[in-house]
Amino acid sequence: MGKFPPYQYIGGDRRFSLTITIKTPEKWDMWNECSSIFVENFKILFKYGVYDANKYLIRATPMLTGRLRGGWTSFLNAHNIDYSSAFMDVTMVWGHNEPLSPQAINEGMMMSYYQESDFLVTLINAVPYVDYVEMGTSNMAGYNFASRTMYKGEFIIKKYIEDWTSKCSEMGEIVKPEILDEVQV
């Protein structure tokens, strides 16, 4: 008969202790393989979700010359992801009638950085006025493009995961995730 309650009393701390025993090596191998396949596919979904959110961020960033949008490109460039349609999309900004400056775009790209680990990607736009355009000033309202993208990114990644886990449940096994060009609302 097991211990009740299911925790140990150690030096004043209560800690939950749970032991799972898999008695046959075949079952352990099956569970271990499923775990690594799940994590591998989850990493793929996460990365594609970040790619889509990054494209949305570029699309949502106001532009005059293209420098500010160029400041979001390093992660996509490092992974050879095509974002040209997002970069040229002006449907989410208003008042833009000027041609983009290739020189300004390149300047912005030189100020684009990222940091990446398994489930954390930090995009850094070092264009000097990015904060003013995002949050506004006493003379100008902020555009909140990065804040909006954060919520859109959460939606995108959640959508990828929900679609994939539903498909796995339907098939009764871990299946390769379907990667869309871009998640649509």
N, C-alpha and C. Protein backbone atom coordinates (compact mmCIF):
# COMPACT_ATOMS: atom_id res chain seq x y z
N MET A 1 0.84 -1.17 0.00
CA MET A 1 0.00 0.00 0.00
C MET A 1 0.89 1.24 0.00
N GLY A 2 0.54 2.22 -0.82
CA GLY A 2 1.33 3.43 -0.96
C GLY A 2 1.19 4.38 0.22
N LYS A 3 2.10 5.35 0.28
CA LYS A 3 2.04 6.36 1.33
C LYS A 3 0.90 7.32 1.06
N PHE A 4 0.29 7.79 2.12
CA PHE A 4 -0.72 8.83 2.00
C PHE A 4 -0.45 9.84 3.08
N PRO A 5 -0.38 11.11 2.86
CA PRO A 5 -0.54 11.83 1.60
C PRO A 5 0.68 11.64 0.68
N PRO A 6 0.53 11.93 -0.62
CA PRO A 6 1.59 11.64 -1.59
C PRO A 6 2.71 12.68 -1.62
N TYR A 7 3.25 13.00 -0.45
CA TYR A 7 4.41 13.87 -0.42
C TYR A 7 5.30 13.44 0.73
N GLN A 8 6.54 13.89 0.64
CA GLN A 8 7.49 13.59 1.70
C GLN A 8 7.68 14.84 2.55
N TYR A 9 7.91 14.65 3.83
CA TYR A 9 8.19 15.76 4.72
C TYR A 9 9.70 15.80 4.93
N ILE A 10 10.37 16.79 4.31
CA ILE A 10 11.83 16.85 4.35
C ILE A 10 12.23 18.23 4.89
N GLY A 11 12.79 18.25 6.05
CA GLY A 11 13.34 19.49 6.61
C GLY A 11 12.37 20.65 6.62
N GLY A 12 11.11 20.41 6.89
CA GLY A 12 10.13 21.49 6.94
C GLY A 12 9.46 21.77 5.60
N ASP A 13 9.96 21.21 4.53
CA ASP A 13 9.35 21.41 3.22
C ASP A 13 8.46 20.22 2.88
N ARG A 14 7.35 20.50 2.26
CA ARG A 14 6.51 19.42 1.74
C ARG A 14 6.79 19.33 0.25
N ARG A 15 7.16 18.16 -0.18
CA ARG A 15 7.48 17.97 -1.60
C ARG A 15 6.68 16.80 -2.13
N PHE A 16 6.14 16.99 -3.27
CA PHE A 16 5.38 15.93 -3.93
C PHE A 16 6.36 14.94 -4.53
N SER A 17 6.13 13.68 -4.31
CA SER A 17 7.01 12.66 -4.85
C SER A 17 6.17 11.64 -5.59
N LEU A 18 6.51 11.38 -6.83
CA LEU A 18 5.76 10.45 -7.65
C LEU A 18 6.75 9.57 -8.38
N THR A 19 6.53 8.28 -8.33
CA THR A 19 7.39 7.34 -9.03
C THR A 19 6.56 6.56 -10.02
N ILE A 20 7.01 6.55 -11.27
CA ILE A 20 6.34 5.77 -12.31
C ILE A 20 7.32 4.70 -12.74
N THR A 21 6.88 3.47 -12.73
CA THR A 21 7.74 2.36 -13.12
C THR A 21 7.20 1.73 -14.39
N ILE A 22 8.04 1.64 -15.40
CA ILE A 22 7.68 0.94 -16.63
C ILE A 22 8.47 -0.35 -16.60
N LYS A 23 7.74 -1.46 -16.50
CA LYS A 23 8.38 -2.74 -16.20
C LYS A 23 9.01 -3.42 -17.41
N THR A 24 8.58 -3.05 -18.61
CA THR A 24 9.16 -3.73 -19.77
C THR A 24 9.99 -2.73 -20.59
N PRO A 25 11.17 -3.11 -21.01
CA PRO A 25 12.03 -2.22 -21.78
C PRO A 25 11.39 -1.78 -23.10
N GLU A 26 10.54 -2.63 -23.69
CA GLU A 26 9.89 -2.27 -24.96
C GLU A 26 8.98 -1.07 -24.77
N LYS A 27 8.24 -1.06 -23.68
CA LYS A 27 7.33 0.07 -23.43
C LYS A 27 8.13 1.34 -23.15
N TRP A 28 9.23 1.21 -22.41
CA TRP A 28 10.08 2.38 -22.15
C TRP A 28 10.60 2.94 -23.47
N ASP A 29 11.08 2.08 -24.35
CA ASP A 29 11.59 2.53 -25.65
C ASP A 29 10.50 3.24 -26.44
N MET A 30 9.27 2.68 -26.41
CA MET A 30 8.15 3.30 -27.13
C MET A 30 7.87 4.70 -26.57
N TRP A 31 7.78 4.84 -25.25
CA TRP A 31 7.50 6.15 -24.64
C TRP A 31 8.64 7.11 -24.87
N ASN A 32 9.84 6.65 -24.79
CA ASN A 32 11.01 7.50 -24.99
C ASN A 32 11.04 8.01 -26.44
N GLU A 33 10.76 7.14 -27.40
CA GLU A 33 10.73 7.54 -28.81
C GLU A 33 9.61 8.55 -29.07
N CYS A 34 8.42 8.31 -28.50
CA CYS A 34 7.31 9.25 -28.65
C CYS A 34 7.67 10.62 -28.11
N SER A 35 8.34 10.64 -26.97
CA SER A 35 8.74 11.90 -26.35
C SER A 35 9.66 12.70 -27.27
N SER A 36 10.67 12.05 -27.81
CA SER A 36 11.61 12.77 -28.66
C SER A 36 10.95 13.21 -29.97
N ILE A 37 10.06 12.39 -30.52
CA ILE A 37 9.34 12.76 -31.74
C ILE A 37 8.43 13.95 -31.46
N PHE A 38 7.75 13.92 -30.31
CA PHE A 38 6.86 15.02 -29.94
C PHE A 38 7.65 16.32 -29.82
N VAL A 39 8.75 16.29 -29.08
CA VAL A 39 9.56 17.50 -28.87
C VAL A 39 10.12 18.01 -30.19
N GLU A 40 10.60 17.11 -31.03
CA GLU A 40 11.15 17.50 -32.33
C GLU A 40 10.10 18.22 -33.17
N ASN A 41 8.88 17.67 -33.24
CA ASN A 41 7.82 18.30 -34.02
C ASN A 41 7.33 19.59 -33.37
N PHE A 42 7.30 19.62 -32.05
CA PHE A 42 6.89 20.83 -31.35
C PHE A 42 7.86 21.98 -31.64
N LYS A 43 9.16 21.68 -31.68
CA LYS A 43 10.16 22.70 -32.01
C LYS A 43 9.94 23.24 -33.42
N ILE A 44 9.59 22.36 -34.34
CA ILE A 44 9.31 22.79 -35.72
C ILE A 44 8.11 23.74 -35.73
N LEU A 45 7.04 23.36 -35.05
CA LEU A 45 5.85 24.22 -34.98
C LEU A 45 6.18 25.56 -34.37
N PHE A 46 6.93 25.55 -33.29
CA PHE A 46 7.28 26.79 -32.61
C PHE A 46 8.05 27.71 -33.55
N LYS A 47 9.04 27.15 -34.24
CA LYS A 47 9.85 27.97 -35.14
C LYS A 47 9.02 28.57 -36.26
N TYR A 48 8.15 27.76 -36.86
CA TYR A 48 7.31 28.29 -37.94
C TYR A 48 6.33 29.33 -37.41
N GLY A 49 5.88 29.16 -36.18
CA GLY A 49 5.03 30.18 -35.56
C GLY A 49 5.78 31.48 -35.39
N VAL A 50 7.04 31.39 -34.98
CA VAL A 50 7.86 32.59 -34.82
C VAL A 50 8.12 33.22 -36.19
N TYR A 51 8.37 32.40 -37.21
CA TYR A 51 8.56 32.96 -38.56
C TYR A 51 7.32 33.77 -38.97
N ASP A 52 6.13 33.18 -38.78
CA ASP A 52 4.90 33.87 -39.17
C ASP A 52 4.70 35.15 -38.36
N ALA A 53 4.96 35.09 -37.05
CA ALA A 53 4.82 36.27 -36.21
C ALA A 53 5.82 37.35 -36.64
N ASN A 54 7.03 36.94 -37.01
CA ASN A 54 8.05 37.89 -37.46
C ASN A 54 7.61 38.56 -38.77
N LYS A 55 7.02 37.79 -39.67
CA LYS A 55 6.51 38.37 -40.92
C LYS A 55 5.38 39.36 -40.63
N TYR A 56 4.51 39.00 -39.68
CA TYR A 56 3.42 39.90 -39.29
C TYR A 56 4.00 41.19 -38.69
N LEU A 57 5.05 41.07 -37.86
CA LEU A 57 5.69 42.24 -37.26
C LEU A 57 6.23 43.17 -38.34
N ILE A 58 6.86 42.61 -39.34
CA ILE A 58 7.36 43.42 -40.44
C ILE A 58 6.21 44.13 -41.13
N ARG A 59 5.15 43.39 -41.39
CA ARG A 59 3.97 43.94 -42.07
C ARG A 59 3.31 45.05 -41.24
N ALA A 60 3.29 44.89 -39.91
CA ALA A 60 2.61 45.84 -39.03
C ALA A 60 3.46 47.07 -38.70
N THR A 61 4.76 47.00 -38.98
CA THR A 61 5.66 48.11 -38.65
C THR A 61 5.45 49.25 -39.65
N PRO A 62 5.17 50.46 -39.14
CA PRO A 62 5.02 51.61 -40.04
C PRO A 62 6.32 51.85 -40.81
N MET A 63 6.18 52.44 -41.98
CA MET A 63 7.39 52.67 -42.76
C MET A 63 7.29 53.97 -43.52
N LEU A 64 8.43 54.57 -43.65
CA LEU A 64 8.58 55.72 -44.51
C LEU A 64 9.67 55.40 -45.52
N THR A 65 10.80 54.95 -45.03
CA THR A 65 11.92 54.61 -45.91
C THR A 65 12.17 53.11 -46.00
N GLY A 66 11.72 52.36 -44.98
CA GLY A 66 11.97 50.92 -44.92
C GLY A 66 12.99 50.54 -43.86
N ARG A 67 13.67 51.56 -43.26
CA ARG A 67 14.71 51.28 -42.27
C ARG A 67 14.14 50.54 -41.06
N LEU A 68 13.00 50.99 -40.56
CA LEU A 68 12.42 50.37 -39.37
C LEU A 68 12.02 48.92 -39.64
N ARG A 69 11.42 48.66 -40.79
CA ARG A 69 11.09 47.28 -41.15
C ARG A 69 12.34 46.44 -41.32
N GLY A 70 13.37 47.02 -41.92
CA GLY A 70 14.63 46.30 -42.08
C GLY A 70 15.22 45.86 -40.76
N GLY A 71 14.90 46.58 -39.69
CA GLY A 71 15.41 46.26 -38.36
C GLY A 71 14.83 44.99 -37.75
N TRP A 72 13.89 44.34 -38.43
CA TRP A 72 13.28 43.10 -37.91
C TRP A 72 13.70 41.86 -38.70
N THR A 73 14.69 41.92 -39.53
CA THR A 73 14.92 40.87 -40.51
C THR A 73 15.96 39.80 -40.17
N SER A 74 16.79 40.00 -39.17
CA SER A 74 17.93 39.10 -38.96
C SER A 74 17.54 37.65 -38.72
N PHE A 75 16.49 37.40 -37.93
CA PHE A 75 16.08 36.03 -37.63
C PHE A 75 15.62 35.31 -38.89
N LEU A 76 14.82 35.99 -39.70
CA LEU A 76 14.33 35.38 -40.94
C LEU A 76 15.47 35.17 -41.93
N ASN A 77 16.37 36.12 -42.01
CA ASN A 77 17.54 35.96 -42.89
C ASN A 77 18.40 34.78 -42.46
N ALA A 78 18.61 34.63 -41.16
CA ALA A 78 19.45 33.53 -40.66
C ALA A 78 18.86 32.17 -40.98
N HIS A 79 17.54 32.10 -41.09
CA HIS A 79 16.87 30.83 -41.36
C HIS A 79 16.40 30.71 -42.82
N ASN A 80 16.85 31.64 -43.67
CA ASN A 80 16.52 31.63 -45.10
C ASN A 80 15.02 31.60 -45.35
N ILE A 81 14.27 32.42 -44.61
CA ILE A 81 12.82 32.50 -44.77
C ILE A 81 12.50 33.70 -45.65
N ASP A 82 11.68 33.48 -46.67
CA ASP A 82 11.28 34.55 -47.58
C ASP A 82 10.21 35.42 -46.91
N TYR A 83 10.51 36.68 -46.73
CA TYR A 83 9.55 37.62 -46.13
C TYR A 83 9.27 38.79 -47.08
N SER A 84 9.63 38.64 -48.33
CA SER A 84 9.51 39.74 -49.28
C SER A 84 8.08 40.25 -49.41
N SER A 85 7.10 39.35 -49.40
CA SER A 85 5.71 39.81 -49.52
C SER A 85 5.29 40.61 -48.29
N ALA A 86 5.77 40.23 -47.11
CA ALA A 86 5.46 40.98 -45.89
C ALA A 86 6.15 42.33 -45.90
N PHE A 87 7.37 42.35 -46.40
CA PHE A 87 8.13 43.59 -46.40
C PHE A 87 7.50 44.65 -47.30
N MET A 88 6.98 44.23 -48.42
CA MET A 88 6.39 45.18 -49.37
C MET A 88 4.92 45.47 -49.12
N ASP A 89 4.30 44.75 -48.18
CA ASP A 89 2.88 44.91 -47.89
C ASP A 89 2.64 46.23 -47.16
N VAL A 90 1.79 47.08 -47.74
CA VAL A 90 1.47 48.36 -47.10
C VAL A 90 0.01 48.41 -46.63
N THR A 91 -0.67 47.28 -46.59
CA THR A 91 -2.09 47.27 -46.22
C THR A 91 -2.32 47.59 -44.74
N MET A 92 -1.31 47.39 -43.90
CA MET A 92 -1.49 47.64 -42.47
C MET A 92 -0.98 49.01 -42.04
N VAL A 93 -0.45 49.78 -42.96
CA VAL A 93 0.02 51.13 -42.65
C VAL A 93 -0.71 52.12 -43.54
N TRP A 94 -0.80 53.33 -43.08
CA TRP A 94 -1.52 54.33 -43.85
C TRP A 94 -0.60 55.50 -44.15
N GLY A 95 -0.91 56.19 -45.23
CA GLY A 95 -0.16 57.38 -45.59
C GLY A 95 1.17 57.10 -46.26
N HIS A 96 1.42 55.87 -46.67
CA HIS A 96 2.69 55.56 -47.31
C HIS A 96 2.51 55.61 -48.82
N ASN A 97 3.16 56.54 -49.45
CA ASN A 97 3.12 56.64 -50.91
C ASN A 97 4.52 56.76 -51.50
N GLU A 98 5.53 56.74 -50.66
CA GLU A 98 6.90 56.91 -51.10
C GLU A 98 7.53 55.57 -51.44
N PRO A 99 8.43 55.54 -52.42
CA PRO A 99 9.16 54.29 -52.69
C PRO A 99 10.13 54.00 -51.54
N LEU A 100 10.33 52.73 -51.26
CA LEU A 100 11.27 52.35 -50.21
C LEU A 100 12.69 52.59 -50.68
N SER A 101 13.53 52.95 -49.75
CA SER A 101 14.93 53.21 -50.07
C SER A 101 15.76 51.96 -49.79
N PRO A 102 16.38 51.36 -50.81
CA PRO A 102 17.24 50.19 -50.58
C PRO A 102 18.35 50.48 -49.57
N GLN A 103 18.88 51.68 -49.60
CA GLN A 103 19.93 52.05 -48.64
C GLN A 103 19.38 52.06 -47.22
N ALA A 104 18.21 52.63 -47.02
CA ALA A 104 17.60 52.67 -45.68
C ALA A 104 17.26 51.26 -45.21
N ILE A 105 16.75 50.43 -46.10
CA ILE A 105 16.43 49.04 -45.74
C ILE A 105 17.68 48.32 -45.26
N ASN A 106 18.78 48.48 -46.00
CA ASN A 106 20.05 47.84 -45.62
C ASN A 106 20.57 48.38 -44.29
N GLU A 107 20.39 49.69 -44.04
CA GLU A 107 20.80 50.26 -42.75
C GLU A 107 20.01 49.60 -41.62
N GLY A 108 18.70 49.42 -41.82
CA GLY A 108 17.87 48.77 -40.82
C GLY A 108 18.30 47.33 -40.61
N MET A 109 18.59 46.62 -41.69
CA MET A 109 19.03 45.23 -41.58
C MET A 109 20.32 45.11 -40.77
N MET A 110 21.20 46.10 -40.90
CA MET A 110 22.45 46.09 -40.14
C MET A 110 22.19 46.33 -38.64
N MET A 111 21.01 46.81 -38.30
CA MET A 111 20.65 47.07 -36.90
C MET A 111 19.66 46.03 -36.38
N SER A 112 19.60 44.89 -37.02
CA SER A 112 18.68 43.82 -36.64
C SER A 112 19.47 42.67 -36.02
N TYR A 113 19.03 42.23 -34.85
CA TYR A 113 19.69 41.14 -34.14
C TYR A 113 18.63 40.20 -33.57
N TYR A 114 19.06 39.03 -33.19
CA TYR A 114 18.16 38.11 -32.50
C TYR A 114 18.96 37.22 -31.59
N GLN A 115 18.27 36.67 -30.59
CA GLN A 115 18.83 35.65 -29.71
C GLN A 115 17.86 34.49 -29.75
N GLU A 116 18.40 33.27 -29.78
CA GLU A 116 17.54 32.11 -29.97
C GLU A 116 18.01 30.94 -29.11
N SER A 117 17.05 30.27 -28.49
CA SER A 117 17.27 28.97 -27.87
C SER A 117 16.06 28.12 -28.26
N ASP A 118 15.90 26.93 -27.71
CA ASP A 118 14.85 26.02 -28.16
C ASP A 118 13.47 26.67 -28.26
N PHE A 119 13.00 27.27 -27.16
CA PHE A 119 11.65 27.83 -27.16
C PHE A 119 11.65 29.30 -26.75
N LEU A 120 12.68 30.01 -27.13
CA LEU A 120 12.76 31.43 -26.85
C LEU A 120 13.48 32.11 -28.00
N VAL A 121 12.81 33.07 -28.62
CA VAL A 121 13.42 33.87 -29.67
C VAL A 121 13.19 35.33 -29.31
N THR A 122 14.26 36.09 -29.25
CA THR A 122 14.17 37.51 -28.95
C THR A 122 14.63 38.27 -30.19
N LEU A 123 13.75 39.09 -30.74
CA LEU A 123 14.07 39.92 -31.90
C LEU A 123 14.47 41.29 -31.38
N ILE A 124 15.56 41.83 -31.89
CA ILE A 124 16.06 43.12 -31.43
C ILE A 124 16.19 44.04 -32.64
N ASN A 125 15.43 45.11 -32.62
CA ASN A 125 15.50 46.13 -33.65
C ASN A 125 16.21 47.32 -33.02
N ALA A 126 17.44 47.57 -33.45
CA ALA A 126 18.25 48.64 -32.86
C ALA A 126 18.18 49.93 -33.65
N VAL A 127 17.19 50.09 -34.52
CA VAL A 127 16.98 51.37 -35.19
C VAL A 127 16.67 52.37 -34.09
N PRO A 128 17.36 53.50 -34.03
CA PRO A 128 17.28 54.40 -32.87
C PRO A 128 15.86 54.89 -32.51
N TYR A 129 14.97 54.98 -33.43
CA TYR A 129 13.65 55.55 -33.13
C TYR A 129 12.55 54.51 -32.99
N VAL A 130 12.89 53.23 -32.92
CA VAL A 130 11.88 52.18 -32.84
C VAL A 130 10.96 52.37 -31.63
N ASP A 131 11.52 52.73 -30.48
CA ASP A 131 10.70 52.91 -29.28
C ASP A 131 9.72 54.07 -29.43
N TYR A 132 10.14 55.15 -30.07
CA TYR A 132 9.26 56.30 -30.25
C TYR A 132 8.08 55.96 -31.15
N VAL A 133 8.35 55.20 -32.20
CA VAL A 133 7.28 54.82 -33.11
C VAL A 133 6.34 53.81 -32.44
N GLU A 134 6.89 52.90 -31.66
CA GLU A 134 6.08 51.90 -30.95
C GLU A 134 5.21 52.54 -29.86
N MET A 135 5.83 53.33 -28.98
CA MET A 135 5.13 53.85 -27.81
C MET A 135 4.61 55.27 -27.96
N GLY A 136 5.12 55.99 -28.93
CA GLY A 136 4.70 57.37 -29.13
C GLY A 136 5.54 58.34 -28.34
N THR A 137 5.25 59.60 -28.54
CA THR A 137 5.92 60.69 -27.83
C THR A 137 4.85 61.68 -27.40
N SER A 138 5.27 62.78 -26.82
CA SER A 138 4.30 63.81 -26.44
C SER A 138 3.67 64.46 -27.67
N ASN A 139 4.31 64.30 -28.83
CA ASN A 139 3.81 64.90 -30.07
C ASN A 139 3.16 63.89 -31.02
N MET A 140 3.25 62.61 -30.69
CA MET A 140 2.78 61.59 -31.63
C MET A 140 2.27 60.37 -30.87
N ALA A 141 1.16 59.85 -31.31
CA ALA A 141 0.64 58.61 -30.72
C ALA A 141 1.49 57.43 -31.17
N GLY A 142 1.60 56.43 -30.31
CA GLY A 142 2.35 55.23 -30.66
C GLY A 142 1.56 54.34 -31.59
N TYR A 143 2.26 53.55 -32.37
CA TYR A 143 1.62 52.62 -33.30
C TYR A 143 1.38 51.24 -32.68
N ASN A 144 2.09 50.92 -31.61
CA ASN A 144 1.91 49.65 -30.88
C ASN A 144 2.02 48.42 -31.78
N PHE A 145 2.86 48.48 -32.78
CA PHE A 145 2.99 47.35 -33.72
C PHE A 145 3.64 46.14 -33.06
N ALA A 146 4.62 46.35 -32.18
CA ALA A 146 5.27 45.23 -31.50
C ALA A 146 4.33 44.60 -30.48
N SER A 147 3.57 45.43 -29.78
CA SER A 147 2.60 44.91 -28.80
C SER A 147 1.52 44.09 -29.49
N ARG A 148 1.01 44.60 -30.60
CA ARG A 148 -0.01 43.85 -31.35
C ARG A 148 0.56 42.53 -31.87
N THR A 149 1.79 42.56 -32.29
CA THR A 149 2.42 41.35 -32.83
C THR A 149 2.60 40.30 -31.74
N MET A 150 2.86 40.72 -30.52
CA MET A 150 3.00 39.75 -29.43
C MET A 150 1.72 38.93 -29.30
N TYR A 151 0.57 39.58 -29.34
CA TYR A 151 -0.70 38.86 -29.23
C TYR A 151 -0.97 38.02 -30.47
N LYS A 152 -0.65 38.55 -31.62
CA LYS A 152 -0.82 37.80 -32.87
C LYS A 152 0.09 36.57 -32.86
N GLY A 153 1.32 36.71 -32.38
CA GLY A 153 2.24 35.59 -32.30
C GLY A 153 1.72 34.49 -31.39
N GLU A 154 1.15 34.87 -30.26
CA GLU A 154 0.56 33.87 -29.37
C GLU A 154 -0.57 33.13 -30.07
N PHE A 155 -1.39 33.85 -30.82
CA PHE A 155 -2.48 33.23 -31.57
C PHE A 155 -1.94 32.27 -32.62
N ILE A 156 -0.92 32.69 -33.35
CA ILE A 156 -0.35 31.87 -34.42
C ILE A 156 0.20 30.56 -33.87
N ILE A 157 1.01 30.64 -32.82
CA ILE A 157 1.62 29.44 -32.26
C ILE A 157 0.54 28.53 -31.66
N LYS A 158 -0.43 29.11 -30.99
CA LYS A 158 -1.54 28.33 -30.43
C LYS A 158 -2.30 27.61 -31.54
N LYS A 159 -2.54 28.28 -32.65
CA LYS A 159 -3.25 27.70 -33.79
C LYS A 159 -2.48 26.52 -34.37
N TYR A 160 -1.17 26.70 -34.58
CA TYR A 160 -0.34 25.60 -35.07
C TYR A 160 -0.43 24.38 -34.15
N ILE A 161 -0.29 24.62 -32.84
CA ILE A 161 -0.29 23.52 -31.87
C ILE A 161 -1.65 22.85 -31.80
N GLU A 162 -2.73 23.64 -31.77
CA GLU A 162 -4.08 23.05 -31.72
C GLU A 162 -4.37 22.20 -32.95
N ASP A 163 -4.02 22.71 -34.13
CA ASP A 163 -4.25 21.95 -35.36
C ASP A 163 -3.45 20.65 -35.34
N TRP A 164 -2.19 20.73 -34.91
CA TRP A 164 -1.34 19.55 -34.90
C TRP A 164 -1.81 18.52 -33.87
N THR A 165 -2.11 18.95 -32.65
CA THR A 165 -2.54 17.99 -31.64
C THR A 165 -3.90 17.38 -31.99
N SER A 166 -4.77 18.14 -32.64
CA SER A 166 -6.05 17.57 -33.11
C SER A 166 -5.80 16.49 -34.15
N LYS A 167 -4.88 16.76 -35.06
CA LYS A 167 -4.54 15.78 -36.10
C LYS A 167 -3.92 14.52 -35.48
N CYS A 168 -3.04 14.71 -34.48
CA CYS A 168 -2.44 13.56 -33.79
C CYS A 168 -3.52 12.74 -33.09
N SER A 169 -4.46 13.42 -32.45
CA SER A 169 -5.54 12.73 -31.76
C SER A 169 -6.42 11.97 -32.74
N GLU A 170 -6.70 12.59 -33.86
CA GLU A 170 -7.52 11.96 -34.91
C GLU A 170 -6.85 10.71 -35.48
N MET A 171 -5.53 10.78 -35.67
CA MET A 171 -4.79 9.67 -36.26
C MET A 171 -4.38 8.62 -35.21
N GLY A 172 -4.41 9.00 -33.93
CA GLY A 172 -4.01 8.07 -32.88
C GLY A 172 -2.51 7.88 -32.76
N GLU A 173 -1.74 8.80 -33.32
CA GLU A 173 -0.28 8.74 -33.25
C GLU A 173 0.28 10.13 -33.50
N ILE A 174 1.56 10.29 -33.20
CA ILE A 174 2.20 11.58 -33.47
C ILE A 174 2.52 11.64 -34.95
N VAL A 175 1.92 12.63 -35.63
CA VAL A 175 2.12 12.79 -37.06
C VAL A 175 2.95 14.04 -37.32
N LYS A 176 3.51 14.10 -38.50
CA LYS A 176 4.29 15.26 -38.89
C LYS A 176 3.34 16.46 -39.00
N PRO A 177 3.72 17.61 -38.42
CA PRO A 177 2.83 18.77 -38.48
C PRO A 177 2.75 19.36 -39.88
N GLU A 178 1.57 19.88 -40.19
CA GLU A 178 1.37 20.57 -41.47
C GLU A 178 1.78 22.01 -41.27
N ILE A 179 2.71 22.48 -42.09
CA ILE A 179 3.20 23.84 -42.00
C ILE A 179 2.55 24.65 -43.10
N LEU A 180 1.81 25.68 -42.69
CA LEU A 180 1.13 26.55 -43.63
C LEU A 180 2.09 27.66 -44.07
N ASP A 181 1.77 28.30 -45.19
CA ASP A 181 2.58 29.41 -45.63
C ASP A 181 2.56 30.51 -44.57
N GLU A 182 1.38 30.91 -44.14
CA GLU A 182 1.20 31.80 -43.01
C GLU A 182 -0.16 31.51 -42.43
N VAL A 183 -0.26 31.51 -41.11
CA VAL A 183 -1.54 31.24 -40.43
C VAL A 183 -2.46 32.42 -40.65
N GLN A 184 -3.66 32.13 -41.09
CA GLN A 184 -4.65 33.18 -41.31
C GLN A 184 -5.62 33.24 -40.14
N VAL A 185 -6.11 34.43 -39.84
CA VAL A 185 -7.07 34.62 -38.75
C VAL A 185 -8.41 34.08 -39.17
